[in-house]
Amino acid sequence: MNSITQYLLAGFLVAAGLQYQAVSKGTRSARQPFPERGFWVAETAPDKKSTVVRYYAHSNHLVSETTEQEVLDIRKLSVRKYLNAKLRKELEKDTTGQSAIKLYEIN
């Protein structure tokens, strides 16, 4: 009888764990906005009061580099949305990105 209760308890814990994973995966995409194209890299030195943000195309081509006058906390959703919007604008202005060959096209 003791082993039956242990198996039932283990089964309930597995079911609860699967449900928790399903719920957390469904909400992650809303909390982690990823840009459609390209990516950005934010760099803040410990002794500085500003953040350097570099915007790249998918082919690892540096599109632009800007300095924000304040320290950006990329853990915040609003900051990631702000940087994604700026990346979209920088990629629209980039004229060299359309003519650059892709990494997978190199022989």
PDB file of N, CA and C in Angstrom:
ATOM      1  N   MET A   1       0.813  -1.187   0.000  1.00  0.00           N
ATOM      2  CA  MET A   1       0.000   0.000   0.000  1.00  0.00           C
ATOM      3  C   MET A   1       0.864   1.262   0.000  1.00  0.00           C
ATOM      4  N   ASN A   2       1.975   1.214   0.689  1.00  0.00           N
ATOM      5  CA  ASN A   2       2.873   2.360   0.756  1.00  0.00           C
ATOM      6  C   ASN A   2       3.448   2.672  -0.624  1.00  0.00           C
ATOM      7  N   SER A   3       3.791   1.647  -1.409  1.00  0.00           N
ATOM      8  CA  SER A   3       4.345   1.886  -2.746  1.00  0.00           C
ATOM      9  C   SER A   3       3.285   2.462  -3.686  1.00  0.00           C
ATOM     10  N   ILE A   4       2.028   2.090  -3.500  1.00  0.00           N
ATOM     11  CA  ILE A   4       0.958   2.631  -4.341  1.00  0.00           C
ATOM     12  C   ILE A   4       0.814   4.136  -4.104  1.00  0.00           C
ATOM     13  N   THR A   5       0.857   4.566  -2.860  1.00  0.00           N
ATOM     14  CA  THR A   5       0.760   5.999  -2.569  1.00  0.00           C
ATOM     15  C   THR A   5       1.963   6.750  -3.116  1.00  0.00           C
ATOM     16  N   GLN A   6       3.136   6.135  -3.077  1.00  0.00           N
ATOM     17  CA  GLN A   6       4.323   6.793  -3.633  1.00  0.00           C
ATOM     18  C   GLN A   6       4.194   6.955  -5.139  1.00  0.00           C
ATOM     19  N   TYR A   7       3.669   5.924  -5.823  1.00  0.00           N
ATOM     20  CA  TYR A   7       3.468   6.021  -7.268  1.00  0.00           C
ATOM     21  C   TYR A   7       2.417   7.077  -7.614  1.00  0.00           C
ATOM     22  N   LEU A   8       1.355   7.142  -6.827  1.00  0.00           N
ATOM     23  CA  LEU A   8       0.329   8.163  -7.072  1.00  0.00           C
ATOM     24  C   LEU A   8       0.890   9.559  -6.855  1.00  0.00           C
ATOM     25  N   LEU A   9       1.674   9.745  -5.802  1.00  0.00           N
ATOM     26  CA  LEU A   9       2.288  11.043  -5.526  1.00  0.00           C
ATOM     27  C   LEU A   9       3.240  11.424  -6.644  1.00  0.00           C
ATOM     28  N   ALA A  10       4.042  10.459  -7.113  1.00  0.00           N
ATOM     29  CA  ALA A  10       4.969  10.728  -8.215  1.00  0.00           C
ATOM     30  C   ALA A  10       4.202  11.099  -9.485  1.00  0.00           C
ATOM     31  N   GLY A  11       3.100  10.425  -9.736  1.00  0.00           N
ATOM     32  CA  GLY A  11       2.281  10.734 -10.908  1.00  0.00           C
ATOM     33  C   GLY A  11       1.688  12.123 -10.850  1.00  0.00           C
ATOM     34  N   PHE A  12       1.209  12.522  -9.682  1.00  0.00           N
ATOM     35  CA  PHE A  12       0.669  13.879  -9.527  1.00  0.00           C
ATOM     36  C   PHE A  12       1.746  14.939  -9.713  1.00  0.00           C
ATOM     37  N   LEU A  13       2.947  14.679  -9.197  1.00  0.00           N
ATOM     38  CA  LEU A  13       4.041  15.635  -9.361  1.00  0.00           C
ATOM     39  C   LEU A  13       4.463  15.767 -10.820  1.00  0.00           C
ATOM     40  N   VAL A  14       4.499  14.664 -11.536  1.00  0.00           N
ATOM     41  CA  VAL A  14       4.839  14.712 -12.960  1.00  0.00           C
ATOM     42  C   VAL A  14       3.774  15.490 -13.729  1.00  0.00           C
ATOM     43  N   ALA A  15       2.506  15.223 -13.439  1.00  0.00           N
ATOM     44  CA  ALA A  15       1.420  15.936 -14.121  1.00  0.00           C
ATOM     45  C   ALA A  15       1.466  17.429 -13.820  1.00  0.00           C
ATOM     46  N   ALA A  16       1.748  17.793 -12.572  1.00  0.00           N
ATOM     47  CA  ALA A  16       1.836  19.210 -12.216  1.00  0.00           C
ATOM     48  C   ALA A  16       3.019  19.867 -12.906  1.00  0.00           C
ATOM     49  N   GLY A  17       4.127  19.144 -13.002  1.00  0.00           N
ATOM     50  CA  GLY A  17       5.308  19.687 -13.682  1.00  0.00           C
ATOM     51  C   GLY A  17       5.066  19.907 -15.160  1.00  0.00           C
ATOM     52  N   LEU A  18       4.381  18.974 -15.812  1.00  0.00           N
ATOM     53  CA  LEU A  18       4.068  19.134 -17.232  1.00  0.00           C
ATOM     54  C   LEU A  18       3.130  20.306 -17.460  1.00  0.00           C
ATOM     55  N   GLN A  19       2.171  20.482 -16.579  1.00  0.00           N
ATOM     56  CA  GLN A  19       1.242  21.597 -16.718  1.00  0.00           C
ATOM     57  C   GLN A  19       1.979  22.913 -16.516  1.00  0.00           C
ATOM     58  N   TYR A  20       2.902  22.982 -15.565  1.00  0.00           N
ATOM     59  CA  TYR A  20       3.661  24.205 -15.318  1.00  0.00           C
ATOM     60  C   TYR A  20       4.518  24.554 -16.530  1.00  0.00           C
ATOM     61  N   GLN A  21       5.148  23.553 -17.162  1.00  0.00           N
ATOM     62  CA  GLN A  21       5.966  23.811 -18.341  1.00  0.00           C
ATOM     63  C   GLN A  21       5.112  24.308 -19.499  1.00  0.00           C
ATOM     64  N   ALA A  22       3.937  23.746 -19.675  1.00  0.00           N
ATOM     65  CA  ALA A  22       3.058  24.163 -20.770  1.00  0.00           C
ATOM     66  C   ALA A  22       2.606  25.604 -20.573  1.00  0.00           C
ATOM     67  N   VAL A  23       2.295  25.980 -19.349  1.00  0.00           N
ATOM     68  CA  VAL A  23       1.854  27.350 -19.074  1.00  0.00           C
ATOM     69  C   VAL A  23       3.009  28.320 -19.250  1.00  0.00           C
ATOM     70  N   SER A  24       4.200  27.973 -18.769  1.00  0.00           N
ATOM     71  CA  SER A  24       5.331  28.895 -18.851  1.00  0.00           C
ATOM     72  C   SER A  24       5.804  29.063 -20.288  1.00  0.00           C
ATOM     73  N   LYS A  25       5.731  28.028 -21.128  1.00  0.00           N
ATOM     74  CA  LYS A  25       6.131  28.163 -22.527  1.00  0.00           C
ATOM     75  C   LYS A  25       5.155  29.032 -23.295  1.00  0.00           C
ATOM     76  N   GLY A  26       3.899  29.000 -22.941  1.00  0.00           N
ATOM     77  CA  GLY A  26       2.910  29.813 -23.630  1.00  0.00           C
ATOM     78  C   GLY A  26       3.079  31.298 -23.356  1.00  0.00           C
ATOM     79  N   THR A  27       3.566  31.675 -22.201  1.00  0.00           N
ATOM     80  CA  THR A  27       3.704  33.083 -21.862  1.00  0.00           C
ATOM     81  C   THR A  27       5.091  33.628 -22.156  1.00  0.00           C
ATOM     82  N   ARG A  28       6.056  32.771 -22.446  1.00  0.00           N
ATOM     83  CA  ARG A  28       7.409  33.251 -22.664  1.00  0.00           C
ATOM     84  C   ARG A  28       7.513  34.130 -23.901  1.00  0.00           C
ATOM     85  N   SER A  29       6.826  33.776 -24.957  1.00  0.00           N
ATOM     86  CA  SER A  29       6.932  34.559 -26.182  1.00  0.00           C
ATOM     87  C   SER A  29       6.421  35.986 -25.980  1.00  0.00           C
ATOM     88  N   ALA A  30       5.460  36.169 -25.108  1.00  0.00           N
ATOM     89  CA  ALA A  30       4.956  37.518 -24.847  1.00  0.00           C
ATOM     90  C   ALA A  30       5.957  38.325 -24.028  1.00  0.00           C
ATOM     91  N   ARG A  31       6.705  37.678 -23.161  1.00  0.00           N
ATOM     92  CA  ARG A  31       7.681  38.375 -22.332  1.00  0.00           C
ATOM     93  C   ARG A  31       9.024  38.526 -23.027  1.00  0.00           C
ATOM     94  N   GLN A  32       9.287  37.746 -24.069  1.00  0.00           N
ATOM     95  CA  GLN A  32      10.561  37.779 -24.764  1.00  0.00           C
ATOM     96  C   GLN A  32      10.338  38.196 -26.216  1.00  0.00           C
ATOM     97  N   PRO A  33      10.161  39.472 -26.493  1.00  0.00           N
ATOM     98  CA  PRO A  33       9.937  39.867 -27.887  1.00  0.00           C
ATOM     99  C   PRO A  33      11.235  39.771 -28.685  1.00  0.00           C
ATOM    100  N   PHE A  34      11.219  38.983 -29.731  1.00  0.00           N
ATOM    101  CA  PHE A  34      12.381  38.838 -30.587  1.00  0.00           C
ATOM    102  C   PHE A  34      12.137  39.607 -31.872  1.00  0.00           C
ATOM    103  N   PRO A  35      13.150  40.293 -32.400  1.00  0.00           N
ATOM    104  CA  PRO A  35      12.960  41.010 -33.664  1.00  0.00           C
ATOM    105  C   PRO A  35      12.788  40.037 -34.820  1.00  0.00           C
ATOM    106  N   GLU A  36      12.090  40.490 -35.866  1.00  0.00           N
ATOM    107  CA  GLU A  36      11.842  39.639 -37.022  1.00  0.00           C
ATOM    108  C   GLU A  36      13.124  39.406 -37.808  1.00  0.00           C
ATOM    109  N   ARG A  37      13.935  40.456 -37.931  1.00  0.00           N
ATOM    110  CA  ARG A  37      15.193  40.364 -38.674  1.00  0.00           C
ATOM    111  C   ARG A  37      16.294  40.976 -37.830  1.00  0.00           C
ATOM    112  N   GLY A  38      17.490  40.469 -37.971  1.00  0.00           N
ATOM    113  CA  GLY A  38      18.643  41.048 -37.312  1.00  0.00           C
ATOM    114  C   GLY A  38      18.635  40.859 -35.803  1.00  0.00           C
ATOM    115  N   PHE A  39      19.591  41.520 -35.152  1.00  0.00           N
ATOM    116  CA  PHE A  39      19.670  41.480 -33.700  1.00  0.00           C
ATOM    117  C   PHE A  39      20.446  42.689 -33.205  1.00  0.00           C
ATOM    118  N   TRP A  40      20.345  42.963 -31.917  1.00  0.00           N
ATOM    119  CA  TRP A  40      21.064  44.070 -31.304  1.00  0.00           C
ATOM    120  C   TRP A  40      21.872  43.551 -30.126  1.00  0.00           C
ATOM    121  N   VAL A  41      22.951  44.286 -29.819  1.00  0.00           N
ATOM    122  CA  VAL A  41      23.819  43.954 -28.692  1.00  0.00           C
ATOM    123  C   VAL A  41      23.997  45.226 -27.882  1.00  0.00           C
ATOM    124  N   ALA A  42      23.675  45.159 -26.589  1.00  0.00           N
ATOM    125  CA  ALA A  42      23.820  46.314 -25.697  1.00  0.00           C
ATOM    126  C   ALA A  42      25.014  46.070 -24.785  1.00  0.00           C
ATOM    127  N   GLU A  43      25.862  47.086 -24.654  1.00  0.00           N
ATOM    128  CA  GLU A  43      27.070  46.964 -23.841  1.00  0.00           C
ATOM    129  C   GLU A  43      27.180  48.174 -22.919  1.00  0.00           C
ATOM    130  N   THR A  44      27.251  47.907 -21.623  1.00  0.00           N
ATOM    131  CA  THR A  44      27.397  48.967 -20.637  1.00  0.00           C
ATOM    132  C   THR A  44      28.619  48.665 -19.783  1.00  0.00           C
ATOM    133  N   ALA A  45      29.566  49.578 -19.752  1.00  0.00           N
ATOM    134  CA  ALA A  45      30.745  49.407 -18.904  1.00  0.00           C
ATOM    135  C   ALA A  45      30.358  49.716 -17.455  1.00  0.00           C
ATOM    136  N   PRO A  46      30.968  49.043 -16.491  1.00  0.00           N
ATOM    137  CA  PRO A  46      30.595  49.259 -15.086  1.00  0.00           C
ATOM    138  C   PRO A  46      30.804  50.691 -14.599  1.00  0.00           C
ATOM    139  N   ASP A  47      31.778  51.394 -15.144  1.00  0.00           N
ATOM    140  CA  ASP A  47      32.082  52.741 -14.661  1.00  0.00           C
ATOM    141  C   ASP A  47      31.449  53.851 -15.496  1.00  0.00           C
ATOM    142  N   LYS A  48      30.636  53.480 -16.491  1.00  0.00           N
ATOM    143  CA  LYS A  48      30.042  54.491 -17.373  1.00  0.00           C
ATOM    144  C   LYS A  48      28.580  54.721 -17.057  1.00  0.00           C
ATOM    145  N   LYS A  49      28.041  55.811 -17.559  1.00  0.00           N
ATOM    146  CA  LYS A  49      26.631  56.165 -17.367  1.00  0.00           C
ATOM    147  C   LYS A  49      25.847  56.083 -18.669  1.00  0.00           C
ATOM    148  N   SER A  50      26.399  55.400 -19.670  1.00  0.00           N
ATOM    149  CA  SER A  50      25.708  55.272 -20.949  1.00  0.00           C
ATOM    150  C   SER A  50      25.820  53.828 -21.438  1.00  0.00           C
ATOM    151  N   THR A  51      25.044  53.522 -22.474  1.00  0.00           N
ATOM    152  CA  THR A  51      25.015  52.180 -23.047  1.00  0.00           C
ATOM    153  C   THR A  51      25.298  52.283 -24.536  1.00  0.00           C
ATOM    154  N   VAL A  52      26.189  51.448 -25.031  1.00  0.00           N
ATOM    155  CA  VAL A  52      26.485  51.373 -26.455  1.00  0.00           C
ATOM    156  C   VAL A  52      25.643  50.243 -27.031  1.00  0.00           C
ATOM    157  N   VAL A  53      24.874  50.550 -28.074  1.00  0.00           N
ATOM    158  CA  VAL A  53      24.011  49.555 -28.715  1.00  0.00           C
ATOM    159  C   VAL A  53      24.469  49.397 -30.155  1.00  0.00           C
ATOM    160  N   ARG A  54      24.738  48.144 -30.539  1.00  0.00           N
ATOM    161  CA  ARG A  54      25.128  47.831 -31.908  1.00  0.00           C
ATOM    162  C   ARG A  54      23.999  47.037 -32.559  1.00  0.00           C
ATOM    163  N   TYR A  55      23.640  47.427 -33.779  1.00  0.00           N
ATOM    164  CA  TYR A  55      22.565  46.778 -34.520  1.00  0.00           C
ATOM    165  C   TYR A  55      23.179  45.995 -35.681  1.00  0.00           C
ATOM    166  N   TYR A  56      22.800  44.724 -35.785  1.00  0.00           N
ATOM    167  CA  TYR A  56      23.345  43.833 -36.799  1.00  0.00           C
ATOM    168  C   TYR A  56      22.231  43.290 -37.678  1.00  0.00           C
ATOM    169  N   ALA A  57      22.592  42.991 -38.953  1.00  0.00           N
ATOM    170  CA  ALA A  57      21.696  42.260 -39.836  1.00  0.00           C
ATOM    171  C   ALA A  57      21.899  40.776 -39.566  1.00  0.00           C
ATOM    172  N   HIS A  58      21.049  39.938 -40.157  1.00  0.00           N
ATOM    173  CA  HIS A  58      21.154  38.495 -39.919  1.00  0.00           C
ATOM    174  C   HIS A  58      22.495  37.930 -40.358  1.00  0.00           C
ATOM    175  N   SER A  59      23.124  38.535 -41.328  1.00  0.00           N
ATOM    176  CA  SER A  59      24.394  38.024 -41.826  1.00  0.00           C
ATOM    177  C   SER A  59      25.574  38.523 -40.997  1.00  0.00           C
ATOM    178  N   ASN A  60      25.327  38.948 -39.776  1.00  0.00           N
ATOM    179  CA  ASN A  60      26.345  39.457 -38.848  1.00  0.00           C
ATOM    180  C   ASN A  60      27.043  40.697 -39.387  1.00  0.00           C
ATOM    181  N   HIS A  61      26.352  41.430 -40.220  1.00  0.00           N
ATOM    182  CA  HIS A  61      26.845  42.688 -40.771  1.00  0.00           C
ATOM    183  C   HIS A  61      26.436  43.811 -39.825  1.00  0.00           C
ATOM    184  N   LEU A  62      27.413  44.587 -39.342  1.00  0.00           N
ATOM    185  CA  LEU A  62      27.125  45.709 -38.450  1.00  0.00           C
ATOM    186  C   LEU A  62      26.422  46.803 -39.233  1.00  0.00           C
ATOM    187  N   VAL A  63      25.193  47.084 -38.848  1.00  0.00           N
ATOM    188  CA  VAL A  63      24.402  48.097 -39.542  1.00  0.00           C
ATOM    189  C   VAL A  63      24.711  49.473 -38.969  1.00  0.00           C
ATOM    190  N   SER A  64      24.659  49.611 -37.644  1.00  0.00           N
ATOM    191  CA  SER A  64      24.976  50.895 -37.017  1.00  0.00           C
ATOM    192  C   SER A  64      25.331  50.682 -35.550  1.00  0.00           C
ATOM    193  N   GLU A  65      25.893  51.712 -34.975  1.00  0.00           N
ATOM    194  CA  GLU A  65      26.257  51.708 -33.557  1.00  0.00           C
ATOM    195  C   GLU A  65      25.846  53.046 -32.970  1.00  0.00           C
ATOM    196  N   THR A  66      25.093  53.001 -31.886  1.00  0.00           N
ATOM    197  CA  THR A  66      24.642  54.230 -31.236  1.00  0.00           C
ATOM    198  C   THR A  66      24.975  54.180 -29.762  1.00  0.00           C
ATOM    199  N   THR A  67      25.025  55.353 -29.150  1.00  0.00           N
ATOM    200  CA  THR A  67      25.267  55.461 -27.716  1.00  0.00           C
ATOM    201  C   THR A  67      24.040  56.087 -27.074  1.00  0.00           C
ATOM    202  N   GLU A  68      23.408  55.349 -26.191  1.00  0.00           N
ATOM    203  CA  GLU A  68      22.279  55.874 -25.426  1.00  0.00           C
ATOM    204  C   GLU A  68      22.838  56.614 -24.216  1.00  0.00           C
ATOM    205  N   GLN A  69      22.257  57.744 -23.877  1.00  0.00           N
ATOM    206  CA  GLN A  69      22.788  58.595 -22.820  1.00  0.00           C
ATOM    207  C   GLN A  69      22.496  58.091 -21.413  1.00  0.00           C
ATOM    208  N   GLU A  70      21.762  56.995 -21.299  1.00  0.00           N
ATOM    209  CA  GLU A  70      21.454  56.429 -19.992  1.00  0.00           C
ATOM    210  C   GLU A  70      21.754  54.936 -20.010  1.00  0.00           C
ATOM    211  N   VAL A  71      21.843  54.343 -18.851  1.00  0.00           N
ATOM    212  CA  VAL A  71      22.071  52.909 -18.748  1.00  0.00           C
ATOM    213  C   VAL A  71      20.751  52.193 -19.017  1.00  0.00           C
ATOM    214  N   LEU A  72      20.747  51.297 -20.013  1.00  0.00           N
ATOM    215  CA  LEU A  72      19.539  50.568 -20.382  1.00  0.00           C
ATOM    216  C   LEU A  72      19.507  49.227 -19.648  1.00  0.00           C
ATOM    217  N   ASP A  73      18.390  48.932 -19.039  1.00  0.00           N
ATOM    218  CA  ASP A  73      18.186  47.655 -18.363  1.00  0.00           C
ATOM    219  C   ASP A  73      17.416  46.750 -19.310  1.00  0.00           C
ATOM    220  N   ILE A  74      18.129  45.855 -20.010  1.00  0.00           N
ATOM    221  CA  ILE A  74      17.483  45.033 -21.032  1.00  0.00           C
ATOM    222  C   ILE A  74      16.625  43.937 -20.438  1.00  0.00           C
ATOM    223  N   ARG A  75      16.581  43.819 -19.116  1.00  0.00           N
ATOM    224  CA  ARG A  75      15.655  42.870 -18.491  1.00  0.00           C
ATOM    225  C   ARG A  75      14.222  43.375 -18.554  1.00  0.00           C
ATOM    226  N   LYS A  76      14.051  44.681 -18.785  1.00  0.00           N
ATOM    227  CA  LYS A  76      12.712  45.262 -18.855  1.00  0.00           C
ATOM    228  C   LYS A  76      12.121  45.065 -20.250  1.00  0.00           C
ATOM    229  N   LEU A  77      10.865  44.708 -20.284  1.00  0.00           N
ATOM    230  CA  LEU A  77      10.160  44.469 -21.535  1.00  0.00           C
ATOM    231  C   LEU A  77      10.093  45.734 -22.385  1.00  0.00           C
ATOM    232  N   SER A  78       9.871  46.876 -21.765  1.00  0.00           N
ATOM    233  CA  SER A  78       9.759  48.127 -22.519  1.00  0.00           C
ATOM    234  C   SER A  78      11.080  48.492 -23.196  1.00  0.00           C
ATOM    235  N   VAL A  79      12.203  48.197 -22.564  1.00  0.00           N
ATOM    236  CA  VAL A  79      13.512  48.494 -23.158  1.00  0.00           C
ATOM    237  C   VAL A  79      13.760  47.582 -24.352  1.00  0.00           C
ATOM    238  N   ARG A  80      13.418  46.301 -24.240  1.00  0.00           N
ATOM    239  CA  ARG A  80      13.600  45.385 -25.365  1.00  0.00           C
ATOM    240  C   ARG A  80      12.709  45.775 -26.544  1.00  0.00           C
ATOM    241  N   LYS A  81      11.491  46.214 -26.269  1.00  0.00           N
ATOM    242  CA  LYS A  81      10.613  46.671 -27.348  1.00  0.00           C
ATOM    243  C   LYS A  81      11.177  47.933 -28.000  1.00  0.00           C
ATOM    244  N   TYR A  82      11.733  48.829 -27.190  1.00  0.00           N
ATOM    245  CA  TYR A  82      12.349  50.055 -27.705  1.00  0.00           C
ATOM    246  C   TYR A  82      13.525  49.723 -28.625  1.00  0.00           C
ATOM    247  N   LEU A  83      14.387  48.799 -28.184  1.00  0.00           N
ATOM    248  CA  LEU A  83      15.547  48.433 -28.995  1.00  0.00           C
ATOM    249  C   LEU A  83      15.128  47.691 -30.260  1.00  0.00           C
ATOM    250  N   ASN A  84      14.088  46.881 -30.190  1.00  0.00           N
ATOM    251  CA  ASN A  84      13.589  46.194 -31.380  1.00  0.00           C
ATOM    252  C   ASN A  84      13.041  47.189 -32.399  1.00  0.00           C
ATOM    253  N   ALA A  85      12.356  48.225 -31.921  1.00  0.00           N
ATOM    254  CA  ALA A  85      11.820  49.253 -32.826  1.00  0.00           C
ATOM    255  C   ALA A  85      12.962  50.026 -33.487  1.00  0.00           C
ATOM    256  N   LYS A  86      13.990  50.354 -32.711  1.00  0.00           N
ATOM    257  CA  LYS A  86      15.145  51.053 -33.288  1.00  0.00           C
ATOM    258  C   LYS A  86      15.885  50.172 -34.271  1.00  0.00           C
ATOM    259  N   LEU A  87      15.959  48.866 -33.997  1.00  0.00           N
ATOM    260  CA  LEU A  87      16.600  47.937 -34.931  1.00  0.00           C
ATOM    261  C   LEU A  87      15.834  47.913 -36.246  1.00  0.00           C
ATOM    262  N   ARG A  88      14.517  47.874 -36.181  1.00  0.00           N
ATOM    263  CA  ARG A  88      13.700  47.881 -37.397  1.00  0.00           C
ATOM    264  C   ARG A  88      13.977  49.132 -38.230  1.00  0.00           C
ATOM    265  N   LYS A  89      14.073  50.290 -37.573  1.00  0.00           N
ATOM    266  CA  LYS A  89      14.350  51.539 -38.292  1.00  0.00           C
ATOM    267  C   LYS A  89      15.751  51.539 -38.899  1.00  0.00           C
ATOM    268  N   GLU A  90      16.724  51.023 -38.156  1.00  0.00           N
ATOM    269  CA  GLU A  90      18.098  50.981 -38.663  1.00  0.00           C
ATOM    270  C   GLU A  90      18.217  50.031 -39.854  1.00  0.00           C
ATOM    271  N   LEU A  91      17.506  48.909 -39.821  1.00  0.00           N
ATOM    272  CA  LEU A  91      17.551  47.980 -40.943  1.00  0.00           C
ATOM    273  C   LEU A  91      16.871  48.550 -42.177  1.00  0.00           C
ATOM    274  N   GLU A  92      15.857  49.396 -41.991  1.00  0.00           N
ATOM    275  CA  GLU A  92      15.201  50.044 -43.141  1.00  0.00           C
ATOM    276  C   GLU A  92      16.130  51.051 -43.791  1.00  0.00           C
ATOM    277  N   LYS A  93      16.954  51.741 -42.986  1.00  0.00           N
ATOM    278  CA  LYS A  93      17.889  52.732 -43.523  1.00  0.00           C
ATOM    279  C   LYS A  93      19.101  52.096 -44.188  1.00  0.00           C
ATOM    280  N   ASP A  94      19.417  50.847 -43.839  1.00  0.00           N
ATOM    281  CA  ASP A  94      20.617  50.178 -44.336  1.00  0.00           C
ATOM    282  C   ASP A  94      20.462  49.835 -45.805  1.00  0.00           C
ATOM    283  N   THR A  95      21.379  50.321 -46.642  1.00  0.00           N
ATOM    284  CA  THR A  95      21.342  50.006 -48.070  1.00  0.00           C
ATOM    285  C   THR A  95      22.336  48.907 -48.420  1.00  0.00           C
ATOM    286  N   THR A  96      23.330  48.681 -47.587  1.00  0.00           N
ATOM    287  CA  THR A  96      24.325  47.648 -47.890  1.00  0.00           C
ATOM    288  C   THR A  96      23.825  46.258 -47.538  1.00  0.00           C
ATOM    289  N   GLY A  97      22.823  46.143 -46.665  1.00  0.00           N
ATOM    290  CA  GLY A  97      22.323  44.846 -46.231  1.00  0.00           C
ATOM    291  C   GLY A  97      21.640  44.065 -47.332  1.00  0.00           C
ATOM    292  N   GLN A  98      21.008  44.762 -48.281  1.00  0.00           N
ATOM    293  CA  GLN A  98      20.323  44.054 -49.347  1.00  0.00           C
ATOM    294  C   GLN A  98      21.311  43.423 -50.325  1.00  0.00           C
ATOM    295  N   SER A  99      22.452  44.065 -50.549  1.00  0.00           N
ATOM    296  CA  SER A  99      23.393  43.546 -51.531  1.00  0.00           C
ATOM    297  C   SER A  99      24.414  42.595 -50.921  1.00  0.00           C
ATOM    298  N   ALA A 100      24.527  42.536 -49.609  1.00  0.00           N
ATOM    299  CA  ALA A 100      25.504  41.657 -48.972  1.00  0.00           C
ATOM    300  C   ALA A 100      25.071  40.204 -49.112  1.00  0.00           C
ATOM    301  N   ILE A 101      26.060  39.331 -49.365  1.00  0.00           N
ATOM    302  CA  ILE A 101      25.726  37.920 -49.496  1.00  0.00           C
ATOM    303  C   ILE A 101      25.465  37.329 -48.118  1.00  0.00           C
ATOM    304  N   LYS A 102      24.634  36.323 -48.088  1.00  0.00           N
ATOM    305  CA  LYS A 102      24.301  35.667 -46.839  1.00  0.00           C
ATOM    306  C   LYS A 102      25.393  34.661 -46.484  1.00  0.00           C
ATOM    307  N   LEU A 103      25.519  34.337 -45.211  1.00  0.00           N
ATOM    308  CA  LEU A 103      26.536  33.389 -44.778  1.00  0.00           C
ATOM    309  C   LEU A 103      26.321  32.012 -45.376  1.00  0.00           C
ATOM    310  N   TYR A 104      25.068  31.611 -45.545  1.00  0.00           N
ATOM    311  CA  TYR A 104      24.801  30.288 -46.083  1.00  0.00           C
ATOM    312  C   TYR A 104      25.019  30.220 -47.590  1.00  0.00           C
ATOM    313  N   GLU A 105      25.235  31.363 -48.264  1.00  0.00           N
ATOM    314  CA  GLU A 105      25.472  31.375 -49.692  1.00  0.00           C
ATOM    315  C   GLU A 105      26.953  31.294 -50.034  1.00  0.00           C
ATOM    316  N   ILE A 106      27.816  31.396 -49.042  1.00  0.00           N
ATOM    317  CA  ILE A 106      29.258  31.338 -49.279  1.00  0.00           C
ATOM    318  C   ILE A 106      29.673  29.890 -49.501  1.00  0.00           C
ATOM    319  N   ASN A 107      30.443  29.642 -50.562  1.00  0.00           N
ATOM    320  CA  ASN A 107      30.892  28.270 -50.850  1.00  0.00           C
ATOM    321  C   ASN A 107      32.183  27.976 -50.163  1.00  0.00           C
TER     322      ASN A 107
END
